[in-house]
Amino acid sequence: RAVLLDDNAQVHMLNVSKHGYHKLPGGGIEAGEDILSALERELMEEVG
């Protein structure tokens, strides 16, 4: 997971409306994937 800041130093959170909570962008690490590669993939998928 990552803490993403915009140009005004505001933290971006994702709303998980199905379960009623917020989370930092990111996600699961797949088999054979290192942490940084997983983070790069998840950040592109979730927030571009």
ModelCIF file with pLDDT and N, C-alpha, C, O atoms, coordinates in Angstrom:
data_MODEL
#
_entry.id   MODEL 
#
_entity.id                         1 
_entity.type                       polymer 
_entity.pdbx_number_of_molecules   1 
#
_entity_poly.entity_id                      1 
_entity_poly.type                           'polypeptide(L)' 
_entity_poly.nstd_linkage                   no 
_entity_poly.nstd_monomer                   no 
_entity_poly.pdbx_seq_one_letter_code       RAVLLDDNAQVHMLNVSKHGYHKLPGGGIEAGEDILSALERELMEEVG 
_entity_poly.pdbx_seq_one_letter_code_can   RAVLLDDNAQVHMLNVSKHGYHKLPGGGIEAGEDILSALERELMEEVG 
_entity_poly.pdbx_strand_id                 A 
#
loop_
_entity_poly_seq.entity_id 
_entity_poly_seq.num 
_entity_poly_seq.mon_id 
_entity_poly_seq.hetero 
1 1  ARG n 
1 2  ALA n 
1 3  VAL n 
1 4  LEU n 
1 5  LEU n 
1 6  ASP n 
1 7  ASP n 
1 8  ASN n 
1 9  ALA n 
1 10 GLN n 
1 11 VAL n 
1 12 HIS n 
1 13 MET n 
1 14 LEU n 
1 15 ASN n 
1 16 VAL n 
1 17 SER n 
1 18 LYS n 
1 19 HIS n 
1 20 GLY n 
1 21 TYR n 
1 22 HIS n 
1 23 LYS n 
1 24 LEU n 
1 25 PRO n 
1 26 GLY n 
1 27 GLY n 
1 28 GLY n 
1 29 ILE n 
1 30 GLU n 
1 31 ALA n 
1 32 GLY n 
1 33 GLU n 
1 34 ASP n 
1 35 ILE n 
1 36 LEU n 
1 37 SER n 
1 38 ALA n 
1 39 LEU n 
1 40 GLU n 
1 41 ARG n 
1 42 GLU n 
1 43 LEU n 
1 44 MET n 
1 45 GLU n 
1 46 GLU n 
1 47 VAL n 
1 48 GLY n 
#
_struct_asym.id          A 
_struct_asym.entity_id   1 
#
loop_
_ma_qa_metric.id 
_ma_qa_metric.mode 
_ma_qa_metric.name 
_ma_qa_metric.software_group_id 
_ma_qa_metric.type 
1 global pLDDT . pLDDT 
2 local  pLDDT . pLDDT 
#
_ma_qa_metric_global.metric_id      1 
_ma_qa_metric_global.metric_value   89.56 
_ma_qa_metric_global.model_id       1 
_ma_qa_metric_global.ordinal_id     1 
#
loop_
_ma_qa_metric_local.label_asym_id 
_ma_qa_metric_local.label_comp_id 
_ma_qa_metric_local.label_seq_id 
_ma_qa_metric_local.metric_id 
_ma_qa_metric_local.metric_value 
_ma_qa_metric_local.model_id 
_ma_qa_metric_local.ordinal_id 
A ARG 1  2 89.00 1 1  
A ALA 2  2 89.00 1 2  
A VAL 3  2 89.00 1 3  
A LEU 4  2 88.00 1 4  
A LEU 5  2 88.00 1 5  
A ASP 6  2 84.00 1 6  
A ASP 7  2 87.00 1 7  
A ASN 8  2 93.00 1 8  
A ALA 9  2 91.00 1 9  
A GLN 10 2 91.00 1 10 
A VAL 11 2 90.00 1 11 
A HIS 12 2 87.00 1 12 
A MET 13 2 89.00 1 13 
A LEU 14 2 89.00 1 14 
A ASN 15 2 89.00 1 15 
A VAL 16 2 88.00 1 16 
A SER 17 2 89.00 1 17 
A LYS 18 2 89.00 1 18 
A HIS 19 2 83.00 1 19 
A GLY 20 2 82.00 1 20 
A TYR 21 2 83.00 1 21 
A HIS 22 2 85.00 1 22 
A LYS 23 2 88.00 1 23 
A LEU 24 2 89.00 1 24 
A PRO 25 2 92.00 1 25 
A GLY 26 2 92.00 1 26 
A GLY 27 2 91.00 1 27 
A GLY 28 2 91.00 1 28 
A ILE 29 2 93.00 1 29 
A GLU 30 2 93.00 1 30 
A ALA 31 2 91.00 1 31 
A GLY 32 2 94.00 1 32 
A GLU 33 2 94.00 1 33 
A ASP 34 2 91.00 1 34 
A ILE 35 2 89.00 1 35 
A LEU 36 2 89.00 1 36 
A SER 37 2 91.00 1 37 
A ALA 38 2 92.00 1 38 
A LEU 39 2 91.00 1 39 
A GLU 40 2 91.00 1 40 
A ARG 41 2 93.00 1 41 
A GLU 42 2 93.00 1 42 
A LEU 43 2 91.00 1 43 
A MET 44 2 92.00 1 44 
A GLU 45 2 92.00 1 45 
A GLU 46 2 90.00 1 46 
A VAL 47 2 87.00 1 47 
A GLY 48 2 87.00 1 48 
#
loop_
_atom_site.group_PDB 
_atom_site.id 
_atom_site.type_symbol 
_atom_site.label_atom_id 
_atom_site.label_alt_id 
_atom_site.label_comp_id 
_atom_site.label_asym_id 
_atom_site.label_entity_id 
_atom_site.label_seq_id 
_atom_site.pdbx_PDB_ins_code 
_atom_site.Cartn_x 
_atom_site.Cartn_y 
_atom_site.Cartn_z 
_atom_site.occupancy 
_atom_site.B_iso_or_equiv 
_atom_site.pdbx_formal_charge 
_atom_site.auth_seq_id 
_atom_site.auth_comp_id 
_atom_site.auth_asym_id 
_atom_site.auth_atom_id 
_atom_site.pdbx_PDB_model_num 
ATOM 1   N N  . ARG A 1 1  ? 0.850   -1.186  0.000   1.00 89.00 ? 1  ARG A N  1 
ATOM 2   C CA . ARG A 1 1  ? 0.000   0.000   0.000   1.00 89.00 ? 1  ARG A CA 1 
ATOM 3   C C  . ARG A 1 1  ? 0.889   1.241   0.000   1.00 89.00 ? 1  ARG A C  1 
ATOM 4   O O  . ARG A 1 1  ? 2.062   1.183   0.370   1.00 89.00 ? 1  ARG A O  1 
ATOM 5   N N  . ALA A 1 2  ? 0.310   2.357   -0.420  1.00 89.00 ? 2  ALA A N  1 
ATOM 6   C CA . ALA A 1 2  ? 1.078   3.601   -0.499  1.00 89.00 ? 2  ALA A CA 1 
ATOM 7   C C  . ALA A 1 2  ? 0.266   4.755   0.055   1.00 89.00 ? 2  ALA A C  1 
ATOM 8   O O  . ALA A 1 2  ? -0.965  4.744   0.022   1.00 89.00 ? 2  ALA A O  1 
ATOM 9   N N  . VAL A 1 3  ? 0.970   5.741   0.560   1.00 89.00 ? 3  VAL A N  1 
ATOM 10  C CA . VAL A 1 3  ? 0.356   7.008   0.942   1.00 89.00 ? 3  VAL A CA 1 
ATOM 11  C C  . VAL A 1 3  ? 0.586   7.943   -0.240  1.00 89.00 ? 3  VAL A C  1 
ATOM 12  O O  . VAL A 1 3  ? 1.716   8.340   -0.521  1.00 89.00 ? 3  VAL A O  1 
ATOM 13  N N  . LEU A 1 4  ? -0.501  8.289   -0.930  1.00 88.00 ? 4  LEU A N  1 
ATOM 14  C CA . LEU A 1 4  ? -0.418  9.184   -2.087  1.00 88.00 ? 4  LEU A CA 1 
ATOM 15  C C  . LEU A 1 4  ? -0.861  10.578  -1.680  1.00 88.00 ? 4  LEU A C  1 
ATOM 16  O O  . LEU A 1 4  ? -1.926  10.757  -1.089  1.00 88.00 ? 4  LEU A O  1 
ATOM 17  N N  . LEU A 1 5  ? -0.033  11.565  -2.002  1.00 88.00 ? 5  LEU A N  1 
ATOM 18  C CA . LEU A 1 5  ? -0.348  12.958  -1.700  1.00 88.00 ? 5  LEU A CA 1 
ATOM 19  C C  . LEU A 1 5  ? -0.561  13.719  -3.000  1.00 88.00 ? 5  LEU A C  1 
ATOM 20  O O  . LEU A 1 5  ? 0.146   13.498  -3.983  1.00 88.00 ? 5  LEU A O  1 
ATOM 21  N N  . ASP A 1 6  ? -1.545  14.620  -2.996  1.00 84.00 ? 6  ASP A N  1 
ATOM 22  C CA . ASP A 1 6  ? -1.733  15.472  -4.165  1.00 84.00 ? 6  ASP A CA 1 
ATOM 23  C C  . ASP A 1 6  ? -0.859  16.725  -4.006  1.00 84.00 ? 6  ASP A C  1 
ATOM 24  O O  . ASP A 1 6  ? -0.075  16.825  -3.062  1.00 84.00 ? 6  ASP A O  1 
ATOM 25  N N  . ASP A 1 7  ? -0.999  17.665  -4.927  1.00 87.00 ? 7  ASP A N  1 
ATOM 26  C CA . ASP A 1 7  ? -0.183  18.877  -4.893  1.00 87.00 ? 7  ASP A CA 1 
ATOM 27  C C  . ASP A 1 7  ? -0.429  19.743  -3.667  1.00 87.00 ? 7  ASP A C  1 
ATOM 28  O O  . ASP A 1 7  ? 0.381   20.615  -3.352  1.00 87.00 ? 7  ASP A O  1 
ATOM 29  N N  . ASN A 1 8  ? -1.544  19.511  -2.967  1.00 93.00 ? 8  ASN A N  1 
ATOM 30  C CA . ASN A 1 8  ? -1.864  20.258  -1.746  1.00 93.00 ? 8  ASN A CA 1 
ATOM 31  C C  . ASN A 1 8  ? -1.574  19.449  -0.491  1.00 93.00 ? 8  ASN A C  1 
ATOM 32  O O  . ASN A 1 8  ? -2.025  19.812  0.595   1.00 93.00 ? 8  ASN A O  1 
ATOM 33  N N  . ALA A 1 9  ? -0.822  18.350  -0.625  1.00 91.00 ? 9  ALA A N  1 
ATOM 34  C CA . ALA A 1 9  ? -0.444  17.463  0.479   1.00 91.00 ? 9  ALA A CA 1 
ATOM 35  C C  . ALA A 1 9  ? -1.650  16.781  1.127   1.00 91.00 ? 9  ALA A C  1 
ATOM 36  O O  . ALA A 1 9  ? -1.612  16.434  2.308   1.00 91.00 ? 9  ALA A O  1 
ATOM 37  N N  . GLN A 1 10 ? -2.717  16.591  0.353   1.00 91.00 ? 10 GLN A N  1 
ATOM 38  C CA . GLN A 1 10 ? -3.879  15.855  0.832   1.00 91.00 ? 10 GLN A CA 1 
ATOM 39  C C  . GLN A 1 10 ? -3.666  14.365  0.543   1.00 91.00 ? 10 GLN A C  1 
ATOM 40  O O  . GLN A 1 10 ? -3.225  14.001  -0.547  1.00 91.00 ? 10 GLN A O  1 
ATOM 41  N N  . VAL A 1 11 ? -3.978  13.514  1.510   1.00 90.00 ? 11 VAL A N  1 
ATOM 42  C CA . VAL A 1 11 ? -3.810  12.067  1.364   1.00 90.00 ? 11 VAL A CA 1 
ATOM 43  C C  . VAL A 1 11 ? -5.011  11.490  0.616   1.00 90.00 ? 11 VAL A C  1 
ATOM 44  O O  . VAL A 1 11 ? -6.157  11.810  0.929   1.00 90.00 ? 11 VAL A O  1 
ATOM 45  N N  . HIS A 1 12 ? -4.739  10.642  -0.368  1.00 87.00 ? 12 HIS A N  1 
ATOM 46  C CA . HIS A 1 12 ? -5.805  9.976   -1.118  1.00 87.00 ? 12 HIS A CA 1 
ATOM 47  C C  . HIS A 1 12 ? -6.156  8.648   -0.448  1.00 87.00 ? 12 HIS A C  1 
ATOM 48  O O  . HIS A 1 12 ? -5.278  7.837   -0.150  1.00 87.00 ? 12 HIS A O  1 
ATOM 49  N N  . MET A 1 13 ? -7.441  8.442   -0.217  1.00 89.00 ? 13 MET A N  1 
ATOM 50  C CA . MET A 1 13 ? -7.950  7.189   0.345   1.00 89.00 ? 13 MET A CA 1 
ATOM 51  C C  . MET A 1 13 ? -9.007  6.649   -0.608  1.00 89.00 ? 13 MET A C  1 
ATOM 52  O O  . MET A 1 13 ? -9.704  7.419   -1.269  1.00 89.00 ? 13 MET A O  1 
ATOM 53  N N  . LEU A 1 14 ? -9.125  5.329   -0.678  1.00 89.00 ? 14 LEU A N  1 
ATOM 54  C CA . LEU A 1 14 ? -10.159 4.696   -1.489  1.00 89.00 ? 14 LEU A CA 1 
ATOM 55  C C  . LEU A 1 14 ? -11.306 4.291   -0.591  1.00 89.00 ? 14 LEU A C  1 
ATOM 56  O O  . LEU A 1 14 ? -11.093 3.765   0.502   1.00 89.00 ? 14 LEU A O  1 
ATOM 57  N N  . ASN A 1 15 ? -12.522 4.535   -1.049  1.00 89.00 ? 15 ASN A N  1 
ATOM 58  C CA . ASN A 1 15 ? -13.711 4.154   -0.294  1.00 89.00 ? 15 ASN A CA 1 
ATOM 59  C C  . ASN A 1 15 ? -14.145 2.749   -0.713  1.00 89.00 ? 15 ASN A C  1 
ATOM 60  O O  . ASN A 1 15 ? -14.430 2.505   -1.886  1.00 89.00 ? 15 ASN A O  1 
ATOM 61  N N  . VAL A 1 16 ? -14.192 1.844   0.237   1.00 88.00 ? 16 VAL A N  1 
ATOM 62  C CA . VAL A 1 16 ? -14.675 0.480   -0.014  1.00 88.00 ? 16 VAL A CA 1 
ATOM 63  C C  . VAL A 1 16 ? -16.136 0.466   0.437   1.00 88.00 ? 16 VAL A C  1 
ATOM 64  O O  . VAL A 1 16 ? -16.452 0.048   1.551   1.00 88.00 ? 16 VAL A O  1 
ATOM 65  N N  . SER A 1 17 ? -17.018 0.929   -0.447  1.00 89.00 ? 17 SER A N  1 
ATOM 66  C CA . SER A 1 17 ? -18.419 1.129   -0.072  1.00 89.00 ? 17 SER A CA 1 
ATOM 67  C C  . SER A 1 17 ? -19.121 -0.182  0.264   1.00 89.00 ? 17 SER A C  1 
ATOM 68  O O  . SER A 1 17 ? -20.036 -0.195  1.087   1.00 89.00 ? 17 SER A O  1 
ATOM 69  N N  . LYS A 1 18 ? -18.710 -1.280  -0.356  1.00 89.00 ? 18 LYS A N  1 
ATOM 70  C CA . LYS A 1 18 ? -19.336 -2.580  -0.090  1.00 89.00 ? 18 LYS A CA 1 
ATOM 71  C C  . LYS A 1 18 ? -19.237 -2.954  1.388   1.00 89.00 ? 18 LYS A C  1 
ATOM 72  O O  . LYS A 1 18 ? -20.149 -3.563  1.947   1.00 89.00 ? 18 LYS A O  1 
ATOM 73  N N  . HIS A 1 19 ? -18.107 -2.580  2.019   1.00 83.00 ? 19 HIS A N  1 
ATOM 74  C CA . HIS A 1 19 ? -17.886 -2.937  3.423   1.00 83.00 ? 19 HIS A CA 1 
ATOM 75  C C  . HIS A 1 19 ? -17.878 -1.724  4.347   1.00 83.00 ? 19 HIS A C  1 
ATOM 76  O O  . HIS A 1 19 ? -17.727 -1.876  5.560   1.00 83.00 ? 19 HIS A O  1 
ATOM 77  N N  . GLY A 1 20 ? -18.037 -0.530  3.796   1.00 82.00 ? 20 GLY A N  1 
ATOM 78  C CA . GLY A 1 20 ? -18.157 0.666   4.616   1.00 82.00 ? 20 GLY A CA 1 
ATOM 79  C C  . GLY A 1 20 ? -16.885 1.128   5.296   1.00 82.00 ? 20 GLY A C  1 
ATOM 80  O O  . GLY A 1 20 ? -16.922 1.527   6.460   1.00 82.00 ? 20 GLY A O  1 
ATOM 81  N N  . TYR A 1 21 ? -15.748 1.084   4.590   1.00 83.00 ? 21 TYR A N  1 
ATOM 82  C CA . TYR A 1 21 ? -14.519 1.601   5.172   1.00 83.00 ? 21 TYR A CA 1 
ATOM 83  C C  . TYR A 1 21 ? -13.657 2.225   4.078   1.00 83.00 ? 21 TYR A C  1 
ATOM 84  O O  . TYR A 1 21 ? -13.966 2.108   2.892   1.00 83.00 ? 21 TYR A O  1 
ATOM 85  N N  . HIS A 1 22 ? -12.583 2.882   4.482   1.00 85.00 ? 22 HIS A N  1 
ATOM 86  C CA . HIS A 1 22 ? -11.621 3.485   3.562   1.00 85.00 ? 22 HIS A CA 1 
ATOM 87  C C  . HIS A 1 22 ? -10.294 2.742   3.680   1.00 85.00 ? 22 HIS A C  1 
ATOM 88  O O  . HIS A 1 22 ? -10.012 2.124   4.707   1.00 85.00 ? 22 HIS A O  1 
ATOM 89  N N  . LYS A 1 23 ? -9.477  2.805   2.622   1.00 88.00 ? 23 LYS A N  1 
ATOM 90  C CA . LYS A 1 23 ? -8.161  2.172   2.655   1.00 88.00 ? 23 LYS A CA 1 
ATOM 91  C C  . LYS A 1 23 ? -7.190  2.974   1.810   1.00 88.00 ? 23 LYS A C  1 
ATOM 92  O O  . LYS A 1 23 ? -7.583  3.763   0.952   1.00 88.00 ? 23 LYS A O  1 
ATOM 93  N N  . LEU A 1 24 ? -5.910  2.749   2.077   1.00 89.00 ? 24 LEU A N  1 
ATOM 94  C CA . LEU A 1 24 ? -4.875  3.332   1.238   1.00 89.00 ? 24 LEU A CA 1 
ATOM 95  C C  . LEU A 1 24 ? -4.834  2.574   -0.081  1.00 89.00 ? 24 LEU A C  1 
ATOM 96  O O  . LEU A 1 24 ? -5.132  1.380   -0.108  1.00 89.00 ? 24 LEU A O  1 
ATOM 97  N N  . PRO A 1 25 ? -4.470  3.239   -1.181  1.00 92.00 ? 25 PRO A N  1 
ATOM 98  C CA . PRO A 1 25 ? -4.366  2.548   -2.457  1.00 92.00 ? 25 PRO A CA 1 
ATOM 99  C C  . PRO A 1 25 ? -3.286  1.471   -2.414  1.00 92.00 ? 25 PRO A C  1 
ATOM 100 O O  . PRO A 1 25 ? -2.267  1.621   -1.740  1.00 92.00 ? 25 PRO A O  1 
ATOM 101 N N  . GLY A 1 26 ? -3.521  0.407   -3.128  1.00 92.00 ? 26 GLY A N  1 
ATOM 102 C CA . GLY A 1 26 ? -2.591  -0.717  -3.180  1.00 92.00 ? 26 GLY A CA 1 
ATOM 103 C C  . GLY A 1 26 ? -3.383  -1.994  -3.162  1.00 92.00 ? 26 GLY A C  1 
ATOM 104 O O  . GLY A 1 26 ? -4.605  -1.980  -3.313  1.00 92.00 ? 26 GLY A O  1 
ATOM 105 N N  . GLY A 1 27 ? -2.698  -3.095  -2.978  1.00 91.00 ? 27 GLY A N  1 
ATOM 106 C CA . GLY A 1 27 ? -3.418  -4.359  -2.952  1.00 91.00 ? 27 GLY A CA 1 
ATOM 107 C C  . GLY A 1 27 ? -2.501  -5.543  -2.807  1.00 91.00 ? 27 GLY A C  1 
ATOM 108 O O  . GLY A 1 27 ? -1.325  -5.411  -2.469  1.00 91.00 ? 27 GLY A O  1 
ATOM 109 N N  . GLY A 1 28 ? -3.067  -6.711  -3.070  1.00 91.00 ? 28 GLY A N  1 
ATOM 110 C CA . GLY A 1 28 ? -2.387  -7.966  -2.836  1.00 91.00 ? 28 GLY A CA 1 
ATOM 111 C C  . GLY A 1 28 ? -1.152  -8.180  -3.691  1.00 91.00 ? 28 GLY A C  1 
ATOM 112 O O  . GLY A 1 28 ? -1.048  -7.696  -4.819  1.00 91.00 ? 28 GLY A O  1 
ATOM 113 N N  . ILE A 1 29 ? -0.221  -8.924  -3.110  1.00 93.00 ? 29 ILE A N  1 
ATOM 114 C CA . ILE A 1 29 ? 1.005   -9.297  -3.797  1.00 93.00 ? 29 ILE A CA 1 
ATOM 115 C C  . ILE A 1 29 ? 0.798   -10.689 -4.383  1.00 93.00 ? 29 ILE A C  1 
ATOM 116 O O  . ILE A 1 29 ? 0.519   -11.640 -3.653  1.00 93.00 ? 29 ILE A O  1 
ATOM 117 N N  . GLU A 1 30 ? 0.934   -10.805 -5.693  1.00 93.00 ? 30 GLU A N  1 
ATOM 118 C CA . GLU A 1 30 ? 0.700   -12.075 -6.372  1.00 93.00 ? 30 GLU A CA 1 
ATOM 119 C C  . GLU A 1 30 ? 1.916   -12.996 -6.239  1.00 93.00 ? 30 GLU A C  1 
ATOM 120 O O  . GLU A 1 30 ? 3.026   -12.532 -5.977  1.00 93.00 ? 30 GLU A O  1 
ATOM 121 N N  . ALA A 1 31 ? 1.702   -14.284 -6.418  1.00 91.00 ? 31 ALA A N  1 
ATOM 122 C CA . ALA A 1 31 ? 2.783   -15.270 -6.344  1.00 91.00 ? 31 ALA A CA 1 
ATOM 123 C C  . ALA A 1 31 ? 3.897   -14.893 -7.310  1.00 91.00 ? 31 ALA A C  1 
ATOM 124 O O  . ALA A 1 31 ? 3.641   -14.618 -8.482  1.00 91.00 ? 31 ALA A O  1 
ATOM 125 N N  . GLY A 1 32 ? 5.126   -14.881 -6.823  1.00 94.00 ? 32 GLY A N  1 
ATOM 126 C CA . GLY A 1 32 ? 6.285   -14.572 -7.646  1.00 94.00 ? 32 GLY A CA 1 
ATOM 127 C C  . GLY A 1 32 ? 6.520   -13.092 -7.872  1.00 94.00 ? 32 GLY A C  1 
ATOM 128 O O  . GLY A 1 32 ? 7.467   -12.724 -8.567  1.00 94.00 ? 32 GLY A O  1 
ATOM 129 N N  . GLU A 1 33 ? 5.691   -12.237 -7.309  1.00 94.00 ? 33 GLU A N  1 
ATOM 130 C CA . GLU A 1 33 ? 5.791   -10.792 -7.503  1.00 94.00 ? 33 GLU A CA 1 
ATOM 131 C C  . GLU A 1 33 ? 6.484   -10.166 -6.298  1.00 94.00 ? 33 GLU A C  1 
ATOM 132 O O  . GLU A 1 33 ? 6.198   -10.531 -5.157  1.00 94.00 ? 33 GLU A O  1 
ATOM 133 N N  . ASP A 1 34 ? 7.398   -9.222  -6.545  1.00 91.00 ? 34 ASP A N  1 
ATOM 134 C CA . ASP A 1 34 ? 8.022   -8.538  -5.412  1.00 91.00 ? 34 ASP A CA 1 
ATOM 135 C C  . ASP A 1 34 ? 7.122   -7.368  -4.985  1.00 91.00 ? 34 ASP A C  1 
ATOM 136 O O  . ASP A 1 34 ? 6.222   -6.964  -5.721  1.00 91.00 ? 34 ASP A O  1 
ATOM 137 N N  . ILE A 1 35 ? 7.376   -6.842  -3.803  1.00 89.00 ? 35 ILE A N  1 
ATOM 138 C CA . ILE A 1 35 ? 6.510   -5.821  -3.210  1.00 89.00 ? 35 ILE A CA 1 
ATOM 139 C C  . ILE A 1 35 ? 6.410   -4.576  -4.089  1.00 89.00 ? 35 ILE A C  1 
ATOM 140 O O  . ILE A 1 35 ? 5.311   -4.065  -4.308  1.00 89.00 ? 35 ILE A O  1 
ATOM 141 N N  . LEU A 1 36 ? 7.538   -4.081  -4.593  1.00 89.00 ? 36 LEU A N  1 
ATOM 142 C CA . LEU A 1 36 ? 7.518   -2.863  -5.390  1.00 89.00 ? 36 LEU A CA 1 
ATOM 143 C C  . LEU A 1 36 ? 6.752   -3.062  -6.706  1.00 89.00 ? 36 LEU A C  1 
ATOM 144 O O  . LEU A 1 36 ? 5.995   -2.183  -7.118  1.00 89.00 ? 36 LEU A O  1 
ATOM 145 N N  . SER A 1 37 ? 6.943   -4.197  -7.357  1.00 91.00 ? 37 SER A N  1 
ATOM 146 C CA . SER A 1 37 ? 6.199   -4.475  -8.594  1.00 91.00 ? 37 SER A CA 1 
ATOM 147 C C  . SER A 1 37 ? 4.703   -4.537  -8.328  1.00 91.00 ? 37 SER A C  1 
ATOM 148 O O  . SER A 1 37 ? 3.902   -4.020  -9.106  1.00 91.00 ? 37 SER A O  1 
ATOM 149 N N  . ALA A 1 38 ? 4.332   -5.176  -7.218  1.00 92.00 ? 38 ALA A N  1 
ATOM 150 C CA . ALA A 1 38 ? 2.915   -5.265  -6.847  1.00 92.00 ? 38 ALA A CA 1 
ATOM 151 C C  . ALA A 1 38 ? 2.346   -3.877  -6.593  1.00 92.00 ? 38 ALA A C  1 
ATOM 152 O O  . ALA A 1 38 ? 1.237   -3.568  -7.028  1.00 92.00 ? 38 ALA A O  1 
ATOM 153 N N  . LEU A 1 39 ? 3.099   -3.048  -5.894  1.00 91.00 ? 39 LEU A N  1 
ATOM 154 C CA . LEU A 1 39 ? 2.638   -1.691  -5.599  1.00 91.00 ? 39 LEU A CA 1 
ATOM 155 C C  . LEU A 1 39 ? 2.466   -0.883  -6.880  1.00 91.00 ? 39 LEU A C  1 
ATOM 156 O O  . LEU A 1 39 ? 1.455   -0.201  -7.047  1.00 91.00 ? 39 LEU A O  1 
ATOM 157 N N  . GLU A 1 40 ? 3.435   -0.949  -7.780  1.00 91.00 ? 40 GLU A N  1 
ATOM 158 C CA . GLU A 1 40 ? 3.329   -0.229  -9.049  1.00 91.00 ? 40 GLU A CA 1 
ATOM 159 C C  . GLU A 1 40 ? 2.096   -0.678  -9.828  1.00 91.00 ? 40 GLU A C  1 
ATOM 160 O O  . GLU A 1 40 ? 1.359   0.155   -10.356 1.00 91.00 ? 40 GLU A O  1 
ATOM 161 N N  . ARG A 1 41 ? 1.869   -1.981  -9.903  1.00 93.00 ? 41 ARG A N  1 
ATOM 162 C CA . ARG A 1 41 ? 0.716   -2.518  -10.624 1.00 93.00 ? 41 ARG A CA 1 
ATOM 163 C C  . ARG A 1 41 ? -0.592  -2.042  -9.997  1.00 93.00 ? 41 ARG A C  1 
ATOM 164 O O  . ARG A 1 41 ? -1.494  -1.583  -10.699 1.00 93.00 ? 41 ARG A O  1 
ATOM 165 N N  . GLU A 1 42 ? -0.689  -2.152  -8.683  1.00 93.00 ? 42 GLU A N  1 
ATOM 166 C CA . GLU A 1 42 ? -1.919  -1.767  -7.978  1.00 93.00 ? 42 GLU A CA 1 
ATOM 167 C C  . GLU A 1 42 ? -2.204  -0.271  -8.099  1.00 93.00 ? 42 GLU A C  1 
ATOM 168 O O  . GLU A 1 42 ? -3.353  0.125   -8.295  1.00 93.00 ? 42 GLU A O  1 
ATOM 169 N N  . LEU A 1 43 ? -1.174  0.558   -7.985  1.00 91.00 ? 43 LEU A N  1 
ATOM 170 C CA . LEU A 1 43 ? -1.388  2.005   -8.104  1.00 91.00 ? 43 LEU A CA 1 
ATOM 171 C C  . LEU A 1 43 ? -1.885  2.370   -9.500  1.00 91.00 ? 43 LEU A C  1 
ATOM 172 O O  . LEU A 1 43 ? -2.734  3.250   -9.643  1.00 91.00 ? 43 LEU A O  1 
ATOM 173 N N  . MET A 1 44 ? -1.369  1.710   -10.520 1.00 92.00 ? 44 MET A N  1 
ATOM 174 C CA . MET A 1 44 ? -1.835  1.975   -11.884 1.00 92.00 ? 44 MET A CA 1 
ATOM 175 C C  . MET A 1 44 ? -3.283  1.507   -12.041 1.00 92.00 ? 44 MET A C  1 
ATOM 176 O O  . MET A 1 44 ? -4.101  2.210   -12.633 1.00 92.00 ? 44 MET A O  1 
ATOM 177 N N  . GLU A 1 45 ? -3.603  0.316   -11.510 1.00 92.00 ? 45 GLU A N  1 
ATOM 178 C CA . GLU A 1 45 ? -4.961  -0.225  -11.631 1.00 92.00 ? 45 GLU A CA 1 
ATOM 179 C C  . GLU A 1 45 ? -5.985  0.625   -10.881 1.00 92.00 ? 45 GLU A C  1 
ATOM 180 O O  . GLU A 1 45 ? -7.061  0.907   -11.408 1.00 92.00 ? 45 GLU A O  1 
ATOM 181 N N  . GLU A 1 46 ? -5.658  1.030   -9.666  1.00 90.00 ? 46 GLU A N  1 
ATOM 182 C CA . GLU A 1 46 ? -6.646  1.669   -8.807  1.00 90.00 ? 46 GLU A CA 1 
ATOM 183 C C  . GLU A 1 46 ? -6.791  3.173   -9.023  1.00 90.00 ? 46 GLU A C  1 
ATOM 184 O O  . GLU A 1 46 ? -7.900  3.705   -8.961  1.00 90.00 ? 46 GLU A O  1 
ATOM 185 N N  . VAL A 1 47 ? -5.691  3.852   -9.272  1.00 87.00 ? 47 VAL A N  1 
ATOM 186 C CA . VAL A 1 47 ? -5.768  5.311   -9.374  1.00 87.00 ? 47 VAL A CA 1 
ATOM 187 C C  . VAL A 1 47 ? -5.070  5.885   -10.599 1.00 87.00 ? 47 VAL A C  1 
ATOM 188 O O  . VAL A 1 47 ? -5.028  7.103   -10.770 1.00 87.00 ? 47 VAL A O  1 
ATOM 189 N N  . GLY A 1 48 ? -4.523  5.026   -11.455 1.00 87.00 ? 48 GLY A N  1 
ATOM 190 C CA . GLY A 1 48 ? -3.847  5.504   -12.651 1.00 87.00 ? 48 GLY A CA 1 
ATOM 191 C C  . GLY A 1 48 ? -2.540  6.232   -12.362 1.00 87.00 ? 48 GLY A C  1 
ATOM 192 O O  . GLY A 1 48 ? -1.868  6.687   -13.288 1.00 87.00 ? 48 GLY A O  1 
#
